[in-house]
Amino acid sequence: MALQRTLSIVKPDATEAGHAGAIVARLQQEGFAVKALRQLHLTKEQAEGFYDVHRARSFFGELVEFMSRGPIVVIALEREDAIAKYRDVIGATDPAKAAEGTIRKLYGTNVGENAVHGSDAVETAGHEIAYFFAGLDVRPSA
């Protein structure tokens, strides 16, 4: 297995409910190293830019509204096989279908408000981390 980085976003629903700290703690317990972390409130334009790959999909407008409604926490994470492990820890996109104990099962409400975002591939992770963090913002690997 290779050392990888992935992006985690604690979405507005989870930050509004006060779950950001518990989610970060859980990720660290799962062996992820926090390489960079920041809280911010996306503008609609920033949310559109981040989710541009979904622009043609019917849910795009709703997604942009949701992601720009309140603060988020963005985290660059690192560990062996980070992308697959992160996806295991967060669970299925629909919290109702997520495995017991996963982050989305614990903190998600529905398929639209599912507590967290995660990168789906190494290439995506690189692009997503760069969207939120300049190179010097991310702690180097040990």
N, C-alpha and C. Protein backbone atom coordinates (compact mmCIF):
# COMPACT_ATOMS: atom_id res chain seq x y z
N MET A 1 0.83 -1.19 0.00
CA MET A 1 0.00 0.00 0.00
C MET A 1 0.87 1.25 0.00
N ALA A 2 0.37 2.25 -0.67
CA ALA A 2 1.12 3.49 -0.80
C ALA A 2 0.58 4.57 0.13
N LEU A 3 1.47 5.44 0.56
CA LEU A 3 1.08 6.61 1.34
C LEU A 3 0.32 7.53 0.41
N GLN A 4 -0.86 7.96 0.81
CA GLN A 4 -1.70 8.81 -0.02
C GLN A 4 -2.26 9.96 0.81
N ARG A 5 -2.72 10.97 0.08
CA ARG A 5 -3.45 12.08 0.70
C ARG A 5 -4.86 12.10 0.14
N THR A 6 -5.77 12.60 0.96
CA THR A 6 -7.15 12.76 0.54
C THR A 6 -7.70 14.02 1.20
N LEU A 7 -8.76 14.55 0.62
CA LEU A 7 -9.40 15.72 1.20
C LEU A 7 -10.67 15.29 1.91
N SER A 8 -10.87 15.81 3.09
CA SER A 8 -12.10 15.64 3.83
C SER A 8 -12.73 17.01 4.00
N ILE A 9 -14.04 17.07 3.80
CA ILE A 9 -14.78 18.29 4.12
C ILE A 9 -15.86 17.91 5.12
N VAL A 10 -15.86 18.57 6.25
CA VAL A 10 -16.97 18.46 7.18
C VAL A 10 -17.98 19.50 6.70
N LYS A 11 -19.11 19.02 6.22
CA LYS A 11 -20.09 19.87 5.54
C LYS A 11 -20.88 20.74 6.53
N PRO A 12 -21.62 21.73 6.00
CA PRO A 12 -22.36 22.64 6.87
C PRO A 12 -23.31 21.96 7.86
N ASP A 13 -23.97 20.89 7.45
CA ASP A 13 -24.89 20.24 8.38
C ASP A 13 -24.18 19.72 9.61
N ALA A 14 -22.99 19.14 9.43
CA ALA A 14 -22.24 18.59 10.56
C ALA A 14 -21.59 19.69 11.39
N THR A 15 -21.12 20.78 10.76
CA THR A 15 -20.54 21.86 11.55
C THR A 15 -21.63 22.58 12.34
N GLU A 16 -22.78 22.79 11.73
CA GLU A 16 -23.89 23.45 12.42
C GLU A 16 -24.33 22.64 13.64
N ALA A 17 -24.27 21.33 13.54
CA ALA A 17 -24.69 20.44 14.64
C ALA A 17 -23.60 20.23 15.68
N GLY A 18 -22.41 20.82 15.45
CA GLY A 18 -21.32 20.71 16.41
C GLY A 18 -20.56 19.40 16.35
N HIS A 19 -20.55 18.74 15.19
CA HIS A 19 -19.89 17.44 15.07
C HIS A 19 -18.48 17.49 14.48
N ALA A 20 -18.00 18.67 14.10
CA ALA A 20 -16.69 18.75 13.43
C ALA A 20 -15.57 18.16 14.28
N GLY A 21 -15.52 18.49 15.55
CA GLY A 21 -14.46 17.99 16.42
C GLY A 21 -14.49 16.47 16.55
N ALA A 22 -15.69 15.91 16.71
CA ALA A 22 -15.81 14.45 16.81
C ALA A 22 -15.39 13.77 15.52
N ILE A 23 -15.70 14.38 14.38
CA ILE A 23 -15.32 13.80 13.09
C ILE A 23 -13.80 13.84 12.92
N VAL A 24 -13.17 14.95 13.24
CA VAL A 24 -11.71 15.05 13.14
C VAL A 24 -11.06 14.04 14.08
N ALA A 25 -11.56 13.94 15.30
CA ALA A 25 -11.01 12.98 16.26
C ALA A 25 -11.14 11.55 15.74
N ARG A 26 -12.26 11.23 15.16
CA ARG A 26 -12.47 9.89 14.61
C ARG A 26 -11.48 9.60 13.50
N LEU A 27 -11.25 10.56 12.63
CA LEU A 27 -10.30 10.37 11.54
C LEU A 27 -8.89 10.14 12.08
N GLN A 28 -8.51 10.87 13.10
CA GLN A 28 -7.20 10.65 13.71
C GLN A 28 -7.13 9.28 14.38
N GLN A 29 -8.19 8.84 15.02
CA GLN A 29 -8.23 7.51 15.62
C GLN A 29 -8.10 6.41 14.57
N GLU A 30 -8.54 6.71 13.37
CA GLU A 30 -8.45 5.75 12.27
C GLU A 30 -7.09 5.75 11.59
N GLY A 31 -6.16 6.54 12.12
CA GLY A 31 -4.79 6.53 11.62
C GLY A 31 -4.46 7.59 10.58
N PHE A 32 -5.35 8.54 10.37
CA PHE A 32 -5.08 9.62 9.43
C PHE A 32 -4.27 10.71 10.12
N ALA A 33 -3.26 11.21 9.43
CA ALA A 33 -2.50 12.36 9.90
C ALA A 33 -3.10 13.61 9.28
N VAL A 34 -3.37 14.61 10.10
CA VAL A 34 -3.88 15.89 9.60
C VAL A 34 -2.69 16.68 9.07
N LYS A 35 -2.67 16.93 7.77
CA LYS A 35 -1.58 17.68 7.14
C LYS A 35 -1.92 19.16 7.00
N ALA A 36 -3.20 19.49 6.97
CA ALA A 36 -3.66 20.88 6.93
C ALA A 36 -5.14 20.87 7.32
N LEU A 37 -5.57 21.95 7.97
CA LEU A 37 -6.97 22.04 8.42
C LEU A 37 -7.35 23.51 8.48
N ARG A 38 -8.56 23.81 8.02
CA ARG A 38 -9.05 25.19 8.13
C ARG A 38 -10.57 25.18 8.08
N GLN A 39 -11.14 26.14 8.79
CA GLN A 39 -12.59 26.35 8.71
C GLN A 39 -12.83 27.58 7.87
N LEU A 40 -13.83 27.51 7.00
CA LEU A 40 -14.18 28.64 6.15
C LEU A 40 -15.63 28.57 5.76
N HIS A 41 -16.12 29.64 5.21
CA HIS A 41 -17.50 29.72 4.72
C HIS A 41 -17.41 30.00 3.22
N LEU A 42 -17.77 29.01 2.42
CA LEU A 42 -17.67 29.15 0.96
C LEU A 42 -18.70 30.15 0.44
N THR A 43 -18.29 30.96 -0.52
CA THR A 43 -19.24 31.76 -1.28
C THR A 43 -19.90 30.81 -2.29
N LYS A 44 -20.97 31.25 -2.89
CA LYS A 44 -21.61 30.43 -3.93
C LYS A 44 -20.65 30.19 -5.08
N GLU A 45 -19.86 31.21 -5.43
CA GLU A 45 -18.91 31.08 -6.52
C GLU A 45 -17.82 30.04 -6.19
N GLN A 46 -17.35 30.05 -4.96
CA GLN A 46 -16.34 29.07 -4.56
C GLN A 46 -16.92 27.65 -4.56
N ALA A 47 -18.15 27.49 -4.10
CA ALA A 47 -18.80 26.18 -4.11
C ALA A 47 -19.01 25.71 -5.55
N GLU A 48 -19.42 26.62 -6.42
CA GLU A 48 -19.58 26.27 -7.84
C GLU A 48 -18.26 25.82 -8.43
N GLY A 49 -17.19 26.51 -8.11
CA GLY A 49 -15.87 26.13 -8.63
C GLY A 49 -15.44 24.77 -8.14
N PHE A 50 -15.63 24.49 -6.87
CA PHE A 50 -15.22 23.20 -6.32
C PHE A 50 -16.02 22.06 -6.92
N TYR A 51 -17.31 22.25 -7.07
CA TYR A 51 -18.18 21.18 -7.58
C TYR A 51 -18.48 21.31 -9.07
N ASP A 52 -17.62 22.01 -9.80
CA ASP A 52 -17.83 22.24 -11.23
C ASP A 52 -18.05 20.95 -12.02
N VAL A 53 -17.43 19.87 -11.61
CA VAL A 53 -17.58 18.59 -12.30
C VAL A 53 -19.05 18.13 -12.32
N HIS A 54 -19.86 18.64 -11.39
CA HIS A 54 -21.28 18.27 -11.31
C HIS A 54 -22.21 19.32 -11.91
N ARG A 55 -21.66 20.32 -12.57
CA ARG A 55 -22.45 21.46 -13.06
C ARG A 55 -23.65 21.04 -13.90
N ALA A 56 -23.53 20.03 -14.72
CA ALA A 56 -24.62 19.62 -15.61
C ALA A 56 -25.67 18.74 -14.92
N ARG A 57 -25.42 18.34 -13.70
CA ARG A 57 -26.34 17.44 -13.00
C ARG A 57 -27.48 18.23 -12.34
N SER A 58 -28.60 17.55 -12.19
CA SER A 58 -29.80 18.21 -11.67
C SER A 58 -29.65 18.73 -10.24
N PHE A 59 -28.79 18.13 -9.46
CA PHE A 59 -28.63 18.52 -8.05
C PHE A 59 -27.61 19.63 -7.83
N PHE A 60 -26.97 20.12 -8.90
CA PHE A 60 -25.89 21.10 -8.75
C PHE A 60 -26.30 22.34 -7.96
N GLY A 61 -27.40 22.96 -8.32
CA GLY A 61 -27.84 24.18 -7.64
C GLY A 61 -28.10 23.96 -6.17
N GLU A 62 -28.76 22.86 -5.85
CA GLU A 62 -29.05 22.52 -4.46
C GLU A 62 -27.75 22.26 -3.68
N LEU A 63 -26.79 21.59 -4.32
CA LEU A 63 -25.50 21.31 -3.70
C LEU A 63 -24.75 22.61 -3.39
N VAL A 64 -24.73 23.52 -4.34
CA VAL A 64 -24.04 24.81 -4.16
C VAL A 64 -24.70 25.60 -3.02
N GLU A 65 -26.02 25.64 -3.00
CA GLU A 65 -26.73 26.34 -1.93
C GLU A 65 -26.38 25.75 -0.57
N PHE A 66 -26.40 24.43 -0.48
CA PHE A 66 -26.09 23.75 0.77
C PHE A 66 -24.66 24.01 1.22
N MET A 67 -23.70 23.85 0.32
CA MET A 67 -22.29 23.99 0.69
C MET A 67 -21.89 25.43 0.99
N SER A 68 -22.71 26.39 0.59
CA SER A 68 -22.40 27.80 0.88
C SER A 68 -23.29 28.38 1.99
N ARG A 69 -24.08 27.55 2.64
CA ARG A 69 -25.01 28.07 3.65
C ARG A 69 -24.36 28.30 5.02
N GLY A 70 -23.23 27.66 5.27
CA GLY A 70 -22.59 27.81 6.57
C GLY A 70 -21.16 27.33 6.53
N PRO A 71 -20.47 27.43 7.66
CA PRO A 71 -19.06 27.04 7.71
C PRO A 71 -18.84 25.56 7.39
N ILE A 72 -17.68 25.30 6.81
CA ILE A 72 -17.19 23.94 6.57
C ILE A 72 -15.80 23.83 7.17
N VAL A 73 -15.35 22.62 7.37
CA VAL A 73 -13.98 22.38 7.80
C VAL A 73 -13.33 21.53 6.72
N VAL A 74 -12.26 22.03 6.12
CA VAL A 74 -11.53 21.28 5.10
C VAL A 74 -10.25 20.74 5.71
N ILE A 75 -9.95 19.49 5.40
CA ILE A 75 -8.82 18.82 6.02
C ILE A 75 -8.05 18.01 4.97
N ALA A 76 -6.76 18.25 4.86
CA ALA A 76 -5.89 17.40 4.04
C ALA A 76 -5.38 16.29 4.97
N LEU A 77 -5.70 15.06 4.61
CA LEU A 77 -5.35 13.90 5.42
C LEU A 77 -4.33 13.03 4.71
N GLU A 78 -3.55 12.27 5.49
CA GLU A 78 -2.56 11.38 4.90
C GLU A 78 -2.50 10.08 5.70
N ARG A 79 -2.34 8.99 4.99
CA ARG A 79 -2.08 7.67 5.58
C ARG A 79 -1.91 6.67 4.43
N GLU A 80 -1.52 5.48 4.75
CA GLU A 80 -1.45 4.43 3.73
C GLU A 80 -2.86 4.17 3.20
N ASP A 81 -2.98 4.05 1.90
CA ASP A 81 -4.25 3.75 1.24
C ASP A 81 -5.38 4.68 1.72
N ALA A 82 -5.06 5.97 1.82
CA ALA A 82 -5.95 6.95 2.43
C ALA A 82 -7.33 7.03 1.77
N ILE A 83 -7.39 6.98 0.46
CA ILE A 83 -8.67 7.19 -0.21
C ILE A 83 -9.64 6.05 0.09
N ALA A 84 -9.20 4.82 -0.06
CA ALA A 84 -10.07 3.68 0.22
C ALA A 84 -10.44 3.62 1.70
N LYS A 85 -9.47 3.85 2.57
CA LYS A 85 -9.74 3.79 4.01
C LYS A 85 -10.72 4.88 4.41
N TYR A 86 -10.53 6.09 3.90
CA TYR A 86 -11.44 7.19 4.22
C TYR A 86 -12.86 6.84 3.80
N ARG A 87 -13.01 6.30 2.61
CA ARG A 87 -14.33 5.96 2.12
C ARG A 87 -14.98 4.86 2.98
N ASP A 88 -14.18 3.95 3.49
CA ASP A 88 -14.69 2.94 4.43
C ASP A 88 -15.18 3.59 5.72
N VAL A 89 -14.41 4.54 6.23
CA VAL A 89 -14.73 5.18 7.50
C VAL A 89 -15.97 6.07 7.40
N ILE A 90 -16.15 6.73 6.25
CA ILE A 90 -17.31 7.64 6.13
C ILE A 90 -18.59 6.90 5.77
N GLY A 91 -18.51 5.80 5.04
CA GLY A 91 -19.70 5.05 4.69
C GLY A 91 -20.35 5.51 3.40
N ALA A 92 -21.45 4.87 3.08
CA ALA A 92 -22.19 5.15 1.84
C ALA A 92 -22.71 6.58 1.81
N THR A 93 -22.88 7.12 0.60
CA THR A 93 -23.36 8.48 0.41
C THR A 93 -24.70 8.70 1.11
N ASP A 94 -25.57 7.72 1.05
CA ASP A 94 -26.88 7.79 1.72
C ASP A 94 -26.72 7.26 3.14
N PRO A 95 -26.85 8.11 4.16
CA PRO A 95 -26.67 7.65 5.53
C PRO A 95 -27.57 6.47 5.90
N ALA A 96 -28.75 6.38 5.29
CA ALA A 96 -29.66 5.28 5.58
C ALA A 96 -29.07 3.94 5.12
N LYS A 97 -28.17 3.98 4.13
CA LYS A 97 -27.56 2.76 3.60
C LYS A 97 -26.14 2.57 4.11
N ALA A 98 -25.64 3.50 4.90
CA ALA A 98 -24.26 3.43 5.41
C ALA A 98 -24.17 2.38 6.52
N ALA A 99 -23.02 1.76 6.62
CA ALA A 99 -22.78 0.76 7.66
C ALA A 99 -22.80 1.41 9.04
N GLU A 100 -23.23 0.63 10.03
CA GLU A 100 -23.25 1.09 11.41
C GLU A 100 -21.86 1.57 11.82
N GLY A 101 -21.81 2.67 12.55
CA GLY A 101 -20.55 3.19 13.07
C GLY A 101 -19.79 4.09 12.12
N THR A 102 -20.21 4.17 10.85
CA THR A 102 -19.53 5.06 9.92
C THR A 102 -19.94 6.50 10.21
N ILE A 103 -19.12 7.44 9.75
CA ILE A 103 -19.38 8.85 10.01
C ILE A 103 -20.73 9.29 9.44
N ARG A 104 -21.04 8.87 8.23
CA ARG A 104 -22.32 9.28 7.65
C ARG A 104 -23.51 8.65 8.38
N LYS A 105 -23.37 7.44 8.86
CA LYS A 105 -24.44 6.81 9.63
C LYS A 105 -24.66 7.57 10.94
N LEU A 106 -23.55 7.96 11.58
CA LEU A 106 -23.62 8.66 12.86
C LEU A 106 -24.11 10.10 12.73
N TYR A 107 -23.65 10.81 11.70
CA TYR A 107 -23.88 12.25 11.65
C TYR A 107 -24.66 12.74 10.43
N GLY A 108 -24.86 11.92 9.43
CA GLY A 108 -25.59 12.35 8.23
C GLY A 108 -27.09 12.30 8.44
N THR A 109 -27.80 13.13 7.68
CA THR A 109 -29.25 13.19 7.75
C THR A 109 -29.90 12.51 6.56
N ASN A 110 -29.38 12.80 5.38
CA ASN A 110 -29.93 12.22 4.15
C ASN A 110 -28.86 12.27 3.07
N VAL A 111 -29.20 11.84 1.88
CA VAL A 111 -28.20 11.77 0.80
C VAL A 111 -27.63 13.14 0.45
N GLY A 112 -28.39 14.19 0.64
CA GLY A 112 -27.90 15.54 0.35
C GLY A 112 -27.11 16.15 1.49
N GLU A 113 -27.52 15.86 2.71
CA GLU A 113 -26.85 16.39 3.90
C GLU A 113 -26.25 15.21 4.66
N ASN A 114 -25.09 14.77 4.15
CA ASN A 114 -24.49 13.53 4.65
C ASN A 114 -23.19 13.74 5.41
N ALA A 115 -23.03 14.90 6.01
CA ALA A 115 -21.97 15.24 6.97
C ALA A 115 -20.58 15.49 6.39
N VAL A 116 -20.13 14.68 5.42
CA VAL A 116 -18.76 14.81 4.95
C VAL A 116 -18.64 14.57 3.45
N HIS A 117 -17.60 15.15 2.89
CA HIS A 117 -17.18 14.90 1.50
C HIS A 117 -15.81 14.23 1.56
N GLY A 118 -15.54 13.38 0.60
CA GLY A 118 -14.21 12.79 0.49
C GLY A 118 -13.81 12.59 -0.95
N SER A 119 -12.54 12.73 -1.22
CA SER A 119 -12.00 12.50 -2.56
C SER A 119 -12.24 11.06 -2.98
N ASP A 120 -12.44 10.86 -4.29
CA ASP A 120 -12.73 9.51 -4.78
C ASP A 120 -11.58 8.85 -5.53
N ALA A 121 -10.48 9.59 -5.73
CA ALA A 121 -9.33 9.03 -6.45
C ALA A 121 -8.09 9.88 -6.12
N VAL A 122 -6.93 9.33 -6.38
CA VAL A 122 -5.67 10.03 -6.10
C VAL A 122 -5.62 11.35 -6.87
N GLU A 123 -5.99 11.33 -8.14
CA GLU A 123 -5.95 12.55 -8.96
C GLU A 123 -6.93 13.58 -8.43
N THR A 124 -8.13 13.14 -8.07
CA THR A 124 -9.14 14.05 -7.53
C THR A 124 -8.65 14.66 -6.23
N ALA A 125 -8.05 13.84 -5.37
CA ALA A 125 -7.54 14.33 -4.08
C ALA A 125 -6.52 15.44 -4.29
N GLY A 126 -5.61 15.27 -5.22
CA GLY A 126 -4.61 16.29 -5.49
C GLY A 126 -5.24 17.61 -5.91
N HIS A 127 -6.22 17.52 -6.80
CA HIS A 127 -6.92 18.71 -7.28
C HIS A 127 -7.70 19.37 -6.14
N GLU A 128 -8.41 18.55 -5.36
CA GLU A 128 -9.25 19.09 -4.29
C GLU A 128 -8.42 19.71 -3.16
N ILE A 129 -7.33 19.08 -2.79
CA ILE A 129 -6.46 19.66 -1.76
C ILE A 129 -5.90 21.00 -2.24
N ALA A 130 -5.48 21.05 -3.49
CA ALA A 130 -4.93 22.30 -4.04
C ALA A 130 -5.99 23.40 -4.12
N TYR A 131 -7.26 23.03 -4.24
CA TYR A 131 -8.33 24.03 -4.29
C TYR A 131 -8.40 24.82 -2.99
N PHE A 132 -8.13 24.16 -1.88
CA PHE A 132 -8.27 24.79 -0.57
C PHE A 132 -6.96 25.18 0.11
N PHE A 133 -5.85 24.54 -0.27
CA PHE A 133 -4.58 24.76 0.43
C PHE A 133 -3.46 25.04 -0.57
N ALA A 134 -2.72 26.12 -0.33
CA ALA A 134 -1.51 26.38 -1.10
C ALA A 134 -0.45 25.37 -0.66
N GLY A 135 0.52 25.11 -1.49
CA GLY A 135 1.54 24.12 -1.20
C GLY A 135 2.20 24.26 0.16
N LEU A 136 2.47 25.47 0.58
CA LEU A 136 3.13 25.68 1.86
C LEU A 136 2.19 25.53 3.05
N ASP A 137 0.88 25.45 2.80
CA ASP A 137 -0.09 25.26 3.87
C ASP A 137 -0.14 23.81 4.34
N VAL A 138 0.32 22.91 3.51
CA VAL A 138 0.20 21.48 3.81
C VAL A 138 1.53 20.98 4.37
N ARG A 139 1.45 20.42 5.56
CA ARG A 139 2.64 19.91 6.23
C ARG A 139 3.26 18.78 5.41
N PRO A 140 4.57 18.77 5.23
CA PRO A 140 5.21 17.70 4.47
C PRO A 140 5.09 16.35 5.18
N SER A 141 5.24 15.29 4.41
CA SER A 141 5.23 13.94 4.99
C SER A 141 6.48 13.76 5.83
N ALA A 142 6.33 12.98 6.88
CA ALA A 142 7.47 12.72 7.77
C ALA A 142 8.44 11.74 7.13
